């Protein structure tokens, strides 16, 4: 199963984050990279045309996930395993503090 999310910077689509059996992938869109004064999602994911890959969720995105009592609330109410980092990111991080947003891409039924 592949899970995907649109990643926005200041409300503009900047890239796509996905998770598959191998790990996590992040790619900036070509339009965003070529746009006027694009900003990177983070200093650890500088702008580039080639995709990023990691076996674990990229630290920047993992850092967006709440901690402490707020994480407990999310785990209890949405029944999400705390080790499901992508699941937590998709549920919790649509309206993050800062300029980055995460919006789940719903898979279409075939």
Protein backbone atom coordinates (compact mmCIF):
# COMPACT_ATOMS: atom_id res chain seq x y z
CA UNK A 1 0.00 0.00 0.00
CA UNK A 2 1.32 3.41 -0.94
CA UNK A 3 0.29 6.43 1.13
CA UNK A 4 0.83 9.89 -0.28
CA UNK A 5 0.55 13.50 0.82
CA UNK A 6 0.72 16.89 -0.85
CA UNK A 7 3.29 19.09 0.86
CA UNK A 8 2.65 22.81 0.64
CA UNK A 9 4.85 25.78 1.45
CA UNK A 10 2.99 29.04 2.09
CA UNK A 11 -0.12 27.43 0.58
CA UNK A 12 1.59 26.44 -2.71
CA UNK A 13 2.07 22.82 -3.72
CA UNK A 14 5.79 22.18 -3.23
CA UNK A 15 6.06 18.40 -3.49
CA UNK A 16 4.76 14.93 -2.80
CA UNK A 17 5.67 12.75 0.16
CA UNK A 18 4.94 9.04 -0.15
CA UNK A 19 5.46 5.84 1.80
CA UNK A 20 5.74 2.37 0.28
CA UNK A 21 7.20 -0.98 1.34
CA UNK A 22 10.77 0.27 0.83
CA UNK A 23 10.47 3.51 2.80
CA UNK A 24 9.70 7.18 2.26
CA UNK A 25 10.08 9.33 -0.85
CA UNK A 26 9.89 13.08 -1.19
CA UNK A 27 10.02 14.98 -4.49
CA UNK A 28 9.59 18.64 -5.21
CA UNK A 29 7.32 19.32 -8.18
CA UNK A 30 9.09 20.67 -11.27
CA UNK A 31 6.70 23.63 -11.30
CA UNK A 32 7.60 24.55 -7.73
CA UNK A 33 11.37 24.28 -8.27
CA UNK A 34 11.07 26.53 -11.36
CA UNK A 35 8.71 29.02 -9.69
CA UNK A 36 9.74 32.50 -8.62
CA UNK A 37 11.74 32.36 -5.36
CA UNK A 38 10.79 28.84 -4.20
CA UNK A 39 11.51 28.05 -0.55
CA UNK A 40 12.72 24.61 0.53
CA UNK A 41 10.49 22.60 2.84
CA UNK A 42 13.41 22.53 5.27
CA UNK A 43 17.16 23.07 5.33
CA UNK A 44 17.55 19.28 5.45
CA UNK A 45 15.58 18.94 2.18
CA UNK A 46 17.09 21.60 -0.08
CA UNK A 47 15.49 22.31 -3.44
CA UNK A 48 16.47 19.83 -6.15
CA UNK A 49 14.85 18.04 -9.04
CA UNK A 50 15.83 14.51 -8.02
CA UNK A 51 13.77 12.71 -5.37
CA UNK A 52 14.83 12.06 -1.79
CA UNK A 53 14.61 8.58 -0.24
CA UNK A 54 14.81 7.37 3.37
CA UNK A 55 13.96 4.09 5.10
CA UNK A 56 12.51 6.13 7.99
CA UNK A 57 10.32 9.22 7.89
CA UNK A 58 12.47 12.26 7.11
CA UNK A 59 13.35 14.00 10.40
CA UNK A 60 11.74 17.29 9.32
CA UNK A 61 8.35 15.64 8.73
CA UNK A 62 8.68 13.49 11.85
CA UNK A 63 9.27 16.68 13.83
CA UNK A 64 5.85 18.00 12.76
CA UNK A 65 4.08 15.18 14.62
CA UNK A 66 2.81 16.25 18.06
CA UNK A 67 4.31 14.84 21.25
CA UNK A 68 3.23 14.26 24.82
CA UNK A 69 -0.40 14.58 25.83
CA UNK A 70 -1.47 15.76 22.37
CA UNK A 71 0.00 12.61 20.80
CA UNK A 72 -1.86 10.57 23.43
CA UNK A 73 -5.12 12.25 22.39
CA UNK A 74 -4.47 11.47 18.72
CA UNK A 75 -3.58 7.84 19.44
CA UNK A 76 -6.69 7.37 21.57
CA UNK A 77 -9.21 9.17 19.34
CA UNK A 78 -7.95 8.00 15.95
CA UNK A 79 -6.60 4.61 17.08
CA UNK A 80 -3.26 5.17 15.37
CA UNK A 81 -0.21 3.19 16.41
CA UNK A 82 2.53 5.59 17.62
CA UNK A 83 4.99 3.77 15.33
CA UNK A 84 2.85 4.60 12.27
CA UNK A 85 4.64 7.89 11.65
CA UNK A 86 3.07 8.48 8.22
CA UNK A 87 -0.40 7.83 9.64
CA UNK A 88 0.21 10.32 12.44
CA UNK A 89 1.58 12.88 9.99
CA UNK A 90 -1.47 12.56 7.72
CA UNK A 91 -3.94 12.91 10.60
CA UNK A 92 -2.22 15.62 12.64
CA UNK A 93 -0.32 17.92 10.34
CA UNK A 94 -2.69 19.52 7.84
CA UNK A 95 -2.54 22.86 9.66
CA UNK A 96 0.95 22.87 11.15
CA UNK A 97 2.57 25.79 12.88
CA UNK A 98 4.80 27.45 10.31
CA UNK A 99 4.64 27.62 6.56
CA UNK A 100 4.48 23.88 5.70
CA UNK A 101 1.23 21.95 5.31
CA UNK A 102 0.51 18.24 4.82
CA UNK A 103 -2.61 17.08 3.00
CA UNK A 104 -3.40 13.39 2.53
CA UNK A 105 -3.97 12.24 -1.04
CA UNK A 106 -6.90 9.85 -0.98
CA UNK A 107 -6.38 6.73 -3.04
CA UNK A 108 -8.95 6.27 -5.78
CA UNK A 109 -10.94 3.03 -5.86
CA UNK A 110 -10.31 0.92 -8.92
